[in-house]
Amino acid sequence: MKYRVLIEQDEDGVFVAEVPALPGCISQGGTRIEALKNIREAIQLYLESLKTHNEPIPPPIDEELVEVIV
């Protein structure tokens, strides 16, 4: 499965990654690469927990990236 991951740098310079389709699935890292590595692990653990508790796995969100020239 593919999930959308949002990464933002906070005021302290830490990169925070979150998965909108998986509420509460958030991780962070000192670099974007580290944040991506950590969120991949968080997604795997999140999905394993859902399976363990016989809860449904949310589908990925379909989306488009639209560029607007201003």
N, C-alpha and C. Protein backbone atom coordinates (compact mmCIF):
# COMPACT_ATOMS: atom_id res chain seq x y z
N MET A 1 0.83 -1.18 0.00
CA MET A 1 0.00 0.00 0.00
C MET A 1 0.87 1.24 0.00
N LYS A 2 0.34 2.29 -0.56
CA LYS A 2 1.03 3.57 -0.55
C LYS A 2 0.18 4.56 0.23
N TYR A 3 0.82 5.26 1.14
CA TYR A 3 0.14 6.28 1.92
C TYR A 3 0.82 7.62 1.72
N ARG A 4 0.02 8.67 1.73
CA ARG A 4 0.55 10.03 1.63
C ARG A 4 1.19 10.38 2.97
N VAL A 5 2.38 10.95 2.90
CA VAL A 5 3.10 11.39 4.09
C VAL A 5 3.35 12.89 3.96
N LEU A 6 2.98 13.62 4.98
CA LEU A 6 3.25 15.06 5.03
C LEU A 6 4.45 15.28 5.94
N ILE A 7 5.42 16.05 5.45
CA ILE A 7 6.60 16.34 6.24
C ILE A 7 6.74 17.86 6.36
N GLU A 8 6.87 18.31 7.58
CA GLU A 8 7.07 19.74 7.85
C GLU A 8 8.22 19.89 8.84
N GLN A 9 8.97 20.96 8.68
CA GLN A 9 10.03 21.25 9.63
C GLN A 9 9.46 22.17 10.70
N ASP A 10 9.61 21.78 11.97
CA ASP A 10 9.06 22.62 13.04
C ASP A 10 10.02 23.75 13.41
N GLU A 11 9.61 24.56 14.37
CA GLU A 11 10.40 25.74 14.74
C GLU A 11 11.77 25.40 15.33
N ASP A 12 11.94 24.15 15.79
CA ASP A 12 13.23 23.72 16.34
C ASP A 12 14.11 23.05 15.29
N GLY A 13 13.63 22.97 14.04
CA GLY A 13 14.41 22.35 12.96
C GLY A 13 14.19 20.86 12.81
N VAL A 14 13.30 20.28 13.62
CA VAL A 14 13.00 18.85 13.54
C VAL A 14 11.99 18.63 12.42
N PHE A 15 12.19 17.57 11.65
CA PHE A 15 11.25 17.22 10.58
C PHE A 15 10.19 16.28 11.14
N VAL A 16 8.94 16.69 11.06
CA VAL A 16 7.81 15.93 11.58
C VAL A 16 7.05 15.34 10.41
N ALA A 17 6.84 14.02 10.44
CA ALA A 17 6.13 13.31 9.36
C ALA A 17 4.84 12.74 9.92
N GLU A 18 3.77 12.89 9.14
CA GLU A 18 2.48 12.35 9.57
C GLU A 18 1.73 11.77 8.37
N VAL A 19 0.87 10.79 8.67
CA VAL A 19 0.10 10.09 7.65
C VAL A 19 -1.38 10.40 7.88
N PRO A 20 -1.97 11.30 7.07
CA PRO A 20 -3.37 11.69 7.29
C PRO A 20 -4.36 10.52 7.28
N ALA A 21 -4.12 9.49 6.49
CA ALA A 21 -5.04 8.36 6.40
C ALA A 21 -4.99 7.46 7.65
N LEU A 22 -3.92 7.62 8.45
CA LEU A 22 -3.75 6.80 9.64
C LEU A 22 -3.67 7.73 10.86
N PRO A 23 -4.81 8.06 11.44
CA PRO A 23 -4.85 9.03 12.55
C PRO A 23 -3.88 8.66 13.67
N GLY A 24 -3.06 9.63 14.06
CA GLY A 24 -2.11 9.41 15.13
C GLY A 24 -0.79 8.81 14.70
N CYS A 25 -0.64 8.49 13.42
CA CYS A 25 0.61 7.92 12.91
C CYS A 25 1.54 9.08 12.57
N ILE A 26 2.42 9.39 13.51
CA ILE A 26 3.32 10.54 13.40
C ILE A 26 4.71 10.09 13.85
N SER A 27 5.73 10.63 13.19
CA SER A 27 7.10 10.37 13.60
C SER A 27 7.92 11.61 13.30
N GLN A 28 9.21 11.57 13.57
CA GLN A 28 10.06 12.73 13.33
C GLN A 28 11.49 12.29 13.10
N GLY A 29 12.32 13.24 12.71
CA GLY A 29 13.73 12.97 12.51
C GLY A 29 14.50 14.27 12.40
N GLY A 30 15.80 14.18 12.56
CA GLY A 30 16.65 15.35 12.45
C GLY A 30 16.83 15.83 11.03
N THR A 31 16.57 14.91 10.06
CA THR A 31 16.64 15.25 8.63
C THR A 31 15.38 14.69 7.96
N ARG A 32 15.11 15.14 6.72
CA ARG A 32 13.97 14.60 5.97
C ARG A 32 14.13 13.09 5.77
N ILE A 33 15.34 12.68 5.44
CA ILE A 33 15.60 11.25 5.20
C ILE A 33 15.33 10.43 6.46
N GLU A 34 15.79 10.93 7.60
CA GLU A 34 15.55 10.23 8.87
C GLU A 34 14.06 10.20 9.19
N ALA A 35 13.36 11.31 8.95
CA ALA A 35 11.92 11.36 9.20
C ALA A 35 11.19 10.35 8.33
N LEU A 36 11.58 10.24 7.05
CA LEU A 36 10.95 9.26 6.15
C LEU A 36 11.21 7.83 6.61
N LYS A 37 12.43 7.55 7.02
CA LYS A 37 12.76 6.21 7.53
C LYS A 37 11.90 5.89 8.75
N ASN A 38 11.80 6.85 9.65
CA ASN A 38 11.04 6.63 10.88
C ASN A 38 9.54 6.49 10.62
N ILE A 39 8.99 7.26 9.67
CA ILE A 39 7.56 7.16 9.41
C ILE A 39 7.23 5.84 8.71
N ARG A 40 8.14 5.34 7.90
CA ARG A 40 7.91 4.00 7.29
C ARG A 40 7.76 2.94 8.37
N GLU A 41 8.65 3.01 9.36
CA GLU A 41 8.58 2.06 10.48
C GLU A 41 7.28 2.27 11.26
N ALA A 42 6.91 3.53 11.48
CA ALA A 42 5.67 3.82 12.23
C ALA A 42 4.45 3.29 11.48
N ILE A 43 4.44 3.42 10.15
CA ILE A 43 3.32 2.91 9.35
C ILE A 43 3.23 1.39 9.49
N GLN A 44 4.36 0.72 9.39
CA GLN A 44 4.36 -0.75 9.52
C GLN A 44 3.82 -1.18 10.88
N LEU A 45 4.27 -0.52 11.94
CA LEU A 45 3.81 -0.87 13.29
C LEU A 45 2.33 -0.54 13.46
N TYR A 46 1.89 0.57 12.90
CA TYR A 46 0.48 0.97 12.97
C TYR A 46 -0.40 -0.09 12.32
N LEU A 47 -0.01 -0.52 11.10
CA LEU A 47 -0.81 -1.52 10.37
C LEU A 47 -0.79 -2.87 11.08
N GLU A 48 0.36 -3.24 11.64
CA GLU A 48 0.43 -4.50 12.41
C GLU A 48 -0.50 -4.45 13.61
N SER A 49 -0.56 -3.31 14.28
CA SER A 49 -1.44 -3.17 15.43
C SER A 49 -2.90 -3.30 15.03
N LEU A 50 -3.26 -2.69 13.89
CA LEU A 50 -4.65 -2.82 13.42
C LEU A 50 -4.99 -4.28 13.16
N LYS A 51 -4.07 -5.00 12.50
CA LYS A 51 -4.31 -6.43 12.20
C LYS A 51 -4.44 -7.23 13.49
N THR A 52 -3.57 -6.97 14.45
CA THR A 52 -3.59 -7.68 15.73
C THR A 52 -4.92 -7.50 16.45
N HIS A 53 -5.48 -6.30 16.34
CA HIS A 53 -6.74 -5.99 17.03
C HIS A 53 -7.97 -6.17 16.13
N ASN A 54 -7.77 -6.83 14.98
CA ASN A 54 -8.85 -7.10 14.03
C ASN A 54 -9.63 -5.84 13.65
N GLU A 55 -8.90 -4.76 13.47
CA GLU A 55 -9.51 -3.51 13.04
C GLU A 55 -9.26 -3.32 11.54
N PRO A 56 -10.16 -2.64 10.86
CA PRO A 56 -9.98 -2.46 9.41
C PRO A 56 -8.79 -1.55 9.10
N ILE A 57 -8.13 -1.84 8.00
CA ILE A 57 -7.01 -1.02 7.54
C ILE A 57 -7.56 0.07 6.63
N PRO A 58 -7.34 1.34 6.99
CA PRO A 58 -7.84 2.43 6.15
C PRO A 58 -7.19 2.41 4.77
N PRO A 59 -7.97 2.67 3.74
CA PRO A 59 -7.38 2.71 2.40
C PRO A 59 -6.54 3.97 2.24
N PRO A 60 -5.57 3.92 1.32
CA PRO A 60 -4.80 5.13 1.05
C PRO A 60 -5.71 6.22 0.48
N ILE A 61 -5.31 7.45 0.65
CA ILE A 61 -6.08 8.57 0.13
C ILE A 61 -5.66 8.84 -1.31
N ASP A 62 -6.63 8.90 -2.22
CA ASP A 62 -6.34 9.29 -3.60
C ASP A 62 -6.20 10.80 -3.64
N GLU A 63 -5.20 11.28 -4.36
CA GLU A 63 -5.00 12.72 -4.42
C GLU A 63 -4.27 13.10 -5.69
N GLU A 64 -4.29 14.37 -5.96
CA GLU A 64 -3.55 14.95 -7.07
C GLU A 64 -2.76 16.13 -6.55
N LEU A 65 -1.59 16.32 -7.09
CA LEU A 65 -0.81 17.50 -6.78
C LEU A 65 -1.01 18.47 -7.91
N VAL A 66 -1.49 19.66 -7.60
CA VAL A 66 -1.80 20.65 -8.60
C VAL A 66 -0.87 21.84 -8.41
N GLU A 67 -0.20 22.22 -9.48
CA GLU A 67 0.69 23.38 -9.42
C GLU A 67 -0.02 24.58 -10.04
N VAL A 68 -0.01 25.66 -9.31
CA VAL A 68 -0.66 26.88 -9.78
C VAL A 68 0.40 27.97 -9.87
N ILE A 69 0.51 28.59 -11.01
CA ILE A 69 1.46 29.69 -11.18
C ILE A 69 0.76 30.98 -10.85
N VAL A 70 1.36 31.73 -9.94
CA VAL A 70 0.77 32.99 -9.49
C VAL A 70 1.68 34.14 -9.88
